Every structure is written in structure tokens, then in C-alpha cells.
Amino acid sequence: MAMITSGFAKLLAPGLYGVINQGYQEVEDLLDIFFRVEGSEKSFEEEQVLTGLGLFVETAELGETTYDDRLLGDFKRYTHLKSTLGIAISEEMYDDDLYGEMRNYGRELGRSARETPLVVAFQLFNRAFNASYTGPDGKVFCATDHPLAGSGTRSNRPTVAADLSLTALAQAETDMLNWLDDKGKRIKLPPRVLLTGTALKRKAFELTKSEYNPEAVERSSNYVRSLGLQSYACPYVTSAKQWFVGTDKQNTYLRWFWRKKFAVRMWEDMDRGALRARGMYRSSSGWTASLGWWGSPGL
């Protein structure tokens, strides 16, 4: 960081650091809930998915053992990109005692630094059914025909789009529990989280928390409640119809890499009479494989 020597800049800088950090902490960090967040010490990271092994083969006495190989699955390179934003506070602003406005400048810089990665990361879900955005397997995030490395395909969406309901959630669970890996073994990935936009917040709460079936006139048990789904109405999921069900984060391939976390550099612009603050971070994100997530675009 450049040394700050003049009166107003030297007095202002420590407080500005504080309000930037305050704004940063005000925005809830959702990355760790849905993405596997890791650090990186290179300009890019690569992930290669490997298949498991097939089933054991019945072998006759003194018969030869069958040997199996793991196959290469999906592959993705994550190239880190730099993101920046800056503010400038003039001597006039400082002299006129507009410290409240100066605090707002710093606070907003911190909020933007926290919120921008969330907007970027959750584009994955907003584009989950958009044919313009495909993944390493050549398919959109939620598709009926993700190719397997061995043979065949795997679906992580309903054949016919469905709105969020008890029936649709039960179908999502059934599909996830019946998924097969690339060698034909059952994976058994139970649903753990329900992700929606804010428009479906009430509906998601009723479906996951109600003791009785909220969609039935007669009093009957709510099966979905027994799944123990944690519901998140995320403001960064912009669709009023789309909804997603995910398994435990460690069993998915949603990635966020920090090459450099958010940091602020301040310096004095002597010619213009201003204190400048520049925030910067470097990161990459996306998905290597869709395994572990199931979604519907709604009707």
C-alpha cells in the first residue's frame, strides 16, 4: 500500500477501512453453503472427474480375475479473473464535514465486494436451463441426458417441467436416490437443501416445515417434512419459478476458487486532492459436473 502522508488522507484512511469492512460483513455469505470453496495459488485450477469401478464379477474356481479401470469423466479448467471497484473522496468532502456520506461510500464498497461474487456464483442456477450456457459435458446444468463416461445418460430434471409441490419434491428424491454412477452402481445421494428464489419462499417453507400436507384438504402427514430439507430463498436466484434440490455439498462439483480474496489499497491523489480506495479480488467459479443437483424450471 502506498504511504498516506497528508493531513486529511492520513486521518480518513483508518476509519474508511473500518466502514468498508462493516459493509462487507453486512451481506450474508452464501458461497460456503452451496459451493465447495477453496483457495488457489496458481493462475487457474483444473478438475478431472474419475469414475468409480464396476460391480464384482462371479468367478469360477481357479478362474481368472476380472480387472477394471477407472474412466475419465468430465473435465474443467477454472481460470481466475480479476474484479475491481474504486471510490475517491475529495478534500472538499472532508473539509465540509460530510463524514456521513464518506462512511456510505466505504460501506457500499464493502457491500459490493461481498455481493458481486454471489451474483456471479448463482448465475449457475439462473442459467441452469438456458441452452446458451452449457457445461463440460456439453449439456445445460439441469438436463435429461447428461452423458455418462461408461455408457448411457443421467437426468437431473423432470421430463415434464413441474412447479414446486409435494409431488414434485418426492419425485426429485426418488430420482436422486436412483441415480447410477458411470459404472452402473447406485450412488444414493439424498436431498439435503431446497433452493428457490424469494418468490417461492413461503411455498418452500410450507412444504418443508408443515406437519401436515399443506396441499391437501384432508389432514394427512407431510412426507416431505421427513426429508429434513433445509430451505433457502436466495435473492440471487432471480426466477420466480425455478427451484433446485441438492445433496451434501461435499458430494457435488460446484466450485468457487479464491486466488486472492477481497483486499483494499488506498493512496492519496495529490494532484486532484483526493483519497482513492481500490478494492480487488481474483476468483473463478462454475461446475465440473451436475451430479448432486436436481432442478425444475417450473411451469
Protein backbone atom coordinates (compact mmCIF):
# COMPACT_ATOMS: atom_id res chain seq x y z
CA MET A 1 0.00 0.00 0.00
CA ALA A 2 1.25 3.48 -0.81
CA MET A 3 2.10 5.66 2.20
CA ILE A 4 -0.55 8.25 3.05
CA THR A 5 1.10 11.45 4.29
CA SER A 6 -1.19 14.46 4.07
CA GLY A 7 -3.47 15.55 6.86
CA PHE A 8 -6.97 14.72 5.65
CA ALA A 9 -5.98 11.46 3.95
CA LYS A 10 -3.99 10.22 6.93
CA LEU A 11 -6.89 10.93 9.29
CA LEU A 12 -9.54 9.46 6.98
CA ALA A 13 -7.92 6.19 5.93
CA PRO A 14 -8.23 4.17 9.19
CA GLY A 15 -11.94 4.96 9.56
CA LEU A 16 -12.58 4.22 5.92
CA TYR A 17 -11.04 0.78 6.28
CA GLY A 18 -13.42 0.14 9.15
CA VAL A 19 -16.61 1.07 7.32
CA ILE A 20 -15.57 -0.89 4.22
CA ASN A 21 -15.20 -3.97 6.40
CA GLN A 22 -18.52 -3.20 8.09
CA GLY A 23 -20.30 -3.12 4.74
CA TYR A 24 -18.57 -6.35 3.71
CA GLN A 25 -19.86 -8.14 6.81
CA GLU A 26 -23.43 -6.88 6.33
CA VAL A 27 -24.07 -9.16 3.33
CA GLU A 28 -24.66 -12.83 4.19
CA ASP A 29 -22.08 -15.12 2.61
CA LEU A 30 -23.94 -17.96 0.88
CA LEU A 31 -21.00 -19.34 -1.08
CA ASP A 32 -19.98 -21.82 1.61
CA ILE A 33 -23.49 -23.26 1.77
CA PHE A 34 -23.75 -24.29 -1.87
CA PHE A 35 -20.22 -24.26 -3.29
CA ARG A 36 -17.03 -26.04 -2.39
CA VAL A 37 -14.88 -23.01 -1.66
CA GLU A 38 -11.10 -23.41 -1.92
CA GLY A 39 -8.01 -21.25 -2.21
CA SER A 40 -5.66 -21.33 -5.18
CA GLU A 41 -2.00 -20.43 -5.67
CA LYS A 42 -1.99 -20.66 -9.47
CA SER A 43 -3.48 -18.69 -12.33
CA PHE A 44 -6.00 -21.50 -12.89
CA GLU A 45 -7.26 -24.74 -11.38
CA GLU A 46 -8.26 -27.92 -13.20
CA GLU A 47 -10.63 -30.65 -12.11
CA GLN A 48 -10.83 -34.08 -13.69
CA VAL A 49 -13.70 -36.33 -12.63
CA LEU A 50 -12.80 -40.02 -12.39
CA THR A 51 -15.39 -42.77 -12.47
CA GLY A 52 -15.65 -45.49 -9.89
CA LEU A 53 -15.25 -49.20 -10.55
CA GLY A 54 -17.83 -51.64 -11.81
CA LEU A 55 -19.51 -54.46 -9.87
CA PHE A 56 -17.69 -57.62 -8.84
CA VAL A 57 -17.80 -60.46 -11.35
CA GLU A 58 -18.69 -64.00 -10.36
CA THR A 59 -15.56 -66.09 -10.93
CA ALA A 60 -15.23 -69.89 -11.26
CA GLU A 61 -12.78 -71.86 -9.15
CA LEU A 62 -9.25 -71.13 -10.45
CA GLY A 63 -10.82 -68.72 -12.92
CA GLU A 64 -9.11 -65.51 -13.93
CA THR A 65 -9.86 -62.33 -12.01
CA THR A 66 -11.54 -59.55 -13.93
CA TYR A 67 -9.67 -56.25 -13.69
CA ASP A 68 -11.37 -52.93 -14.09
CA ASP A 69 -10.17 -49.41 -14.85
CA ARG A 70 -11.46 -46.04 -13.81
CA LEU A 71 -12.55 -43.88 -16.73
CA LEU A 72 -12.04 -40.18 -17.28
CA GLY A 73 -15.23 -38.22 -16.76
CA ASP A 74 -15.90 -34.51 -17.08
CA PHE A 75 -13.02 -32.03 -17.08
CA LYS A 76 -12.98 -28.28 -16.46
CA ARG A 77 -10.34 -25.59 -16.20
CA TYR A 78 -11.15 -22.70 -13.86
CA THR A 79 -9.29 -19.56 -14.95
CA HIS A 80 -9.20 -16.87 -12.28
CA LEU A 81 -10.45 -13.42 -13.24
CA LYS A 82 -9.75 -10.11 -11.56
CA SER A 83 -12.60 -7.89 -10.32
CA THR A 84 -12.11 -4.31 -9.13
CA LEU A 85 -14.06 -1.29 -7.94
CA GLY A 86 -12.87 2.00 -6.51
CA ILE A 87 -14.01 5.21 -4.83
CA ALA A 88 -12.47 8.65 -4.41
CA ILE A 89 -13.10 11.04 -1.51
CA SER A 90 -12.16 14.65 -2.10
CA GLU A 91 -10.63 17.16 0.29
CA GLU A 92 -13.78 19.24 -0.13
CA MET A 93 -15.95 16.40 1.10
CA TYR A 94 -13.67 16.00 4.08
CA ASP A 95 -13.46 19.74 4.80
CA ASP A 96 -17.22 20.20 4.64
CA ASP A 97 -17.65 17.57 7.34
CA LEU A 98 -19.69 15.21 5.17
CA TYR A 99 -18.40 12.21 7.08
CA GLY A 100 -21.76 10.51 6.92
CA GLU A 101 -21.52 10.48 3.14
CA MET A 102 -17.93 9.30 3.29
CA ARG A 103 -18.97 6.42 5.51
CA ASN A 104 -21.63 5.46 2.99
CA TYR A 105 -19.01 5.42 0.22
CA GLY A 106 -16.87 2.96 2.13
CA ARG A 107 -19.79 0.87 3.32
CA GLU A 108 -21.11 0.48 -0.21
CA LEU A 109 -17.69 -0.57 -1.48
CA GLY A 110 -17.64 -3.33 1.12
CA ARG A 111 -21.17 -4.46 0.31
CA SER A 112 -20.37 -4.60 -3.40
CA ALA A 113 -17.28 -6.67 -2.69
CA ARG A 114 -19.35 -9.28 -0.87
CA GLU A 115 -22.37 -9.24 -3.16
CA THR A 116 -20.63 -9.39 -6.54
CA PRO A 117 -19.29 -12.95 -6.02
CA LEU A 118 -22.77 -14.07 -5.01
CA VAL A 119 -24.32 -12.61 -8.16
CA VAL A 120 -21.62 -14.30 -10.26
CA ALA A 121 -21.82 -17.67 -8.50
CA PHE A 122 -25.60 -18.02 -8.57
CA GLN A 123 -25.73 -17.31 -12.29
CA LEU A 124 -25.11 -21.05 -12.50
CA PHE A 125 -28.67 -21.64 -11.28
CA ASN A 126 -30.21 -18.78 -13.23
CA ARG A 127 -28.77 -20.28 -16.41
CA ALA A 128 -29.45 -23.90 -15.48
CA PHE A 129 -31.99 -24.40 -18.30
CA ASN A 130 -30.54 -21.93 -20.82
CA ALA A 131 -29.12 -23.68 -23.89
CA SER A 132 -26.63 -20.84 -24.37
CA TYR A 133 -24.76 -21.91 -21.23
CA THR A 134 -23.52 -25.49 -21.28
CA GLY A 135 -21.04 -27.29 -19.05
CA PRO A 136 -18.09 -29.63 -19.61
CA ASP A 137 -20.40 -32.43 -20.75
CA GLY A 138 -21.97 -30.22 -23.43
CA LYS A 139 -25.31 -30.03 -21.57
CA VAL A 140 -27.06 -27.37 -19.54
CA PHE A 141 -26.78 -27.74 -15.76
CA CYS A 142 -30.21 -29.40 -15.46
CA ALA A 143 -30.82 -31.78 -18.37
CA THR A 144 -32.49 -35.10 -19.07
CA ASP A 145 -29.46 -36.55 -20.85
CA HIS A 146 -26.13 -35.87 -19.13
CA PRO A 147 -23.78 -38.40 -20.79
CA LEU A 148 -22.03 -40.92 -18.56
CA ALA A 149 -18.38 -41.86 -19.11
CA GLY A 150 -19.25 -45.53 -19.44
CA SER A 151 -22.50 -45.57 -21.38
CA GLY A 152 -25.96 -44.16 -21.04
CA THR A 153 -27.17 -40.89 -19.58
CA ARG A 154 -28.35 -39.40 -16.28
CA SER A 155 -31.23 -36.97 -15.80
CA ASN A 156 -31.36 -34.27 -13.13
CA ARG A 157 -34.64 -32.62 -14.04
CA PRO A 158 -38.23 -33.79 -14.63
CA THR A 159 -39.12 -34.96 -18.10
CA VAL A 160 -42.04 -32.53 -17.98
CA ALA A 161 -41.39 -29.24 -16.18
CA ALA A 162 -43.13 -29.05 -12.81
CA ASP A 163 -43.88 -26.30 -10.33
CA LEU A 164 -42.70 -26.68 -6.76
CA SER A 165 -45.03 -29.08 -4.95
CA LEU A 166 -45.02 -32.09 -2.63
CA THR A 167 -45.39 -34.44 -5.58
CA ALA A 168 -42.53 -32.81 -7.47
CA LEU A 169 -40.25 -32.85 -4.41
CA ALA A 170 -41.00 -36.51 -3.84
CA GLN A 171 -40.11 -37.20 -7.48
CA ALA A 172 -36.84 -35.32 -7.06
CA GLU A 173 -35.97 -37.51 -4.07
CA THR A 174 -36.84 -40.68 -5.99
CA ASP A 175 -34.70 -39.67 -8.95
CA MET A 176 -31.72 -38.73 -6.77
CA LEU A 177 -31.85 -41.99 -4.83
CA ASN A 178 -31.99 -43.96 -8.08
CA TRP A 179 -29.05 -42.26 -9.77
CA LEU A 180 -26.35 -44.57 -11.09
CA ASP A 181 -22.67 -43.74 -11.43
CA ASP A 182 -20.72 -44.11 -14.68
CA LYS A 183 -20.13 -47.80 -13.98
CA GLY A 184 -23.73 -48.63 -13.11
CA LYS A 185 -23.54 -48.60 -9.28
CA ARG A 186 -26.18 -46.80 -7.22
CA ILE A 187 -24.91 -43.52 -5.83
CA LYS A 188 -27.56 -42.83 -3.15
CA LEU A 189 -27.38 -39.05 -2.88
CA PRO A 190 -30.28 -37.97 -0.64
CA PRO A 191 -31.65 -34.43 -0.98
CA ARG A 192 -30.47 -32.03 1.73
CA VAL A 193 -31.28 -28.49 0.56
CA LEU A 194 -34.10 -26.82 -1.34
CA LEU A 195 -33.02 -23.70 -3.22
CA THR A 196 -35.52 -21.19 -4.63
CA GLY A 197 -35.80 -17.51 -5.38
CA THR A 198 -37.60 -15.23 -2.95
CA ALA A 199 -40.90 -15.59 -4.83
CA LEU A 200 -41.16 -19.21 -3.64
CA LYS A 201 -40.04 -18.57 -0.06
CA ARG A 202 -43.47 -19.11 1.53
CA LYS A 203 -44.25 -22.13 -0.63
CA ALA A 204 -40.91 -23.74 0.20
CA PHE A 205 -41.43 -23.14 3.92
CA GLU A 206 -44.90 -24.70 3.89
CA LEU A 207 -43.68 -27.76 2.00
CA THR A 208 -40.63 -28.43 4.15
CA LYS A 209 -41.86 -27.40 7.63
CA SER A 210 -45.60 -28.14 7.80
CA GLU A 211 -46.52 -31.16 9.91
CA TYR A 212 -49.50 -31.90 7.70
CA ASN A 213 -49.85 -31.87 3.92
CA PRO A 214 -50.32 -28.19 3.02
CA GLU A 215 -51.74 -29.10 -0.38
CA ALA A 216 -54.49 -31.47 0.83
CA VAL A 217 -57.93 -30.65 2.24
CA GLU A 218 -57.96 -33.70 4.47
CA ARG A 219 -55.49 -33.95 7.36
CA SER A 220 -52.62 -36.16 6.26
CA SER A 221 -48.95 -36.33 7.13
CA ASN A 222 -46.45 -34.27 5.16
CA TYR A 223 -43.95 -36.78 3.80
CA VAL A 224 -41.54 -34.13 2.56
CA ARG A 225 -41.07 -32.83 6.09
CA SER A 226 -39.45 -36.15 6.99
CA LEU A 227 -36.68 -35.45 4.47
CA GLY A 228 -35.32 -32.69 6.70
CA LEU A 229 -34.69 -30.35 3.79
CA GLN A 230 -33.08 -27.03 4.63
CA SER A 231 -34.85 -24.39 2.56
CA TYR A 232 -33.10 -21.29 1.19
CA ALA A 233 -34.94 -18.48 -0.57
CA CYS A 234 -31.96 -16.89 -2.27
CA PRO A 235 -32.29 -13.36 -3.69
CA TYR A 236 -29.63 -14.19 -6.27
CA VAL A 237 -31.85 -16.85 -7.85
CA THR A 238 -33.86 -14.47 -10.00
CA SER A 239 -36.54 -16.75 -11.44
CA ALA A 240 -39.94 -16.81 -9.78
CA LYS A 241 -40.50 -20.39 -10.97
CA GLN A 242 -37.21 -22.32 -10.92
CA TRP A 243 -36.33 -24.49 -7.94
CA PHE A 244 -33.50 -26.87 -7.11
CA VAL A 245 -32.74 -29.71 -4.75
CA GLY A 246 -29.17 -30.51 -3.75
CA THR A 247 -27.37 -33.16 -1.75
CA ASP A 248 -24.48 -32.70 0.70
CA LYS A 249 -22.07 -30.08 -0.67
CA GLN A 250 -19.03 -32.38 -0.47
CA ASN A 251 -20.71 -34.77 -2.91
CA THR A 252 -21.22 -32.14 -5.60
CA TYR A 253 -18.99 -30.42 -8.15
CA LEU A 254 -19.96 -26.78 -7.68
CA ARG A 255 -16.71 -24.83 -7.27
CA TRP A 256 -15.53 -21.42 -6.12
CA PHE A 257 -11.80 -20.69 -6.10
CA TRP A 258 -10.23 -17.70 -4.39
CA ARG A 259 -6.93 -16.76 -6.00
CA LYS A 260 -6.93 -13.58 -3.94
CA LYS A 261 -9.64 -12.58 -1.51
CA PHE A 262 -11.04 -9.08 -1.32
CA ALA A 263 -8.43 -6.53 -0.33
CA VAL A 264 -8.35 -2.74 -0.34
CA ARG A 265 -5.49 -0.44 -1.30
CA MET A 266 -5.61 3.27 -0.50
CA TRP A 267 -3.46 6.11 -1.74
CA GLU A 268 -3.53 9.88 -1.94
CA ASP A 269 -4.01 11.58 -5.29
CA MET A 270 -2.06 14.75 -4.61
CA ASP A 271 -2.87 16.43 -7.93
CA ARG A 272 -6.62 16.04 -7.57
CA GLY A 273 -6.77 16.35 -3.80
CA ALA A 274 -8.47 13.03 -3.14
CA LEU A 275 -8.08 9.82 -1.20
CA ARG A 276 -8.62 6.86 -3.51
CA ALA A 277 -9.61 3.38 -2.37
CA ARG A 278 -9.49 0.43 -4.76
CA GLY A 279 -10.95 -2.94 -3.93
CA MET A 280 -9.83 -6.06 -5.79
CA TYR A 281 -10.24 -9.82 -5.73
CA ARG A 282 -9.41 -12.69 -8.09
CA SER A 283 -11.60 -15.75 -8.36
CA SER A 284 -13.22 -18.36 -10.58
CA SER A 285 -16.38 -20.43 -10.24
CA GLY A 286 -18.66 -22.86 -12.01
CA TRP A 287 -19.47 -26.55 -12.18
CA THR A 288 -17.46 -29.51 -13.35
CA ALA A 289 -20.36 -31.99 -13.19
CA SER A 290 -24.04 -31.61 -12.35
CA LEU A 291 -24.11 -34.68 -10.08
CA GLY A 292 -25.78 -33.96 -6.76
CA TRP A 293 -28.27 -31.35 -8.02
CA TRP A 294 -31.77 -31.74 -9.44
CA GLY A 295 -33.86 -28.84 -10.72
CA SER A 296 -37.07 -27.85 -12.44
CA PRO A 297 -37.76 -24.70 -14.48
CA GLY A 298 -41.34 -24.57 -13.24
CA LEU A 299 -44.34 -24.03 -15.48
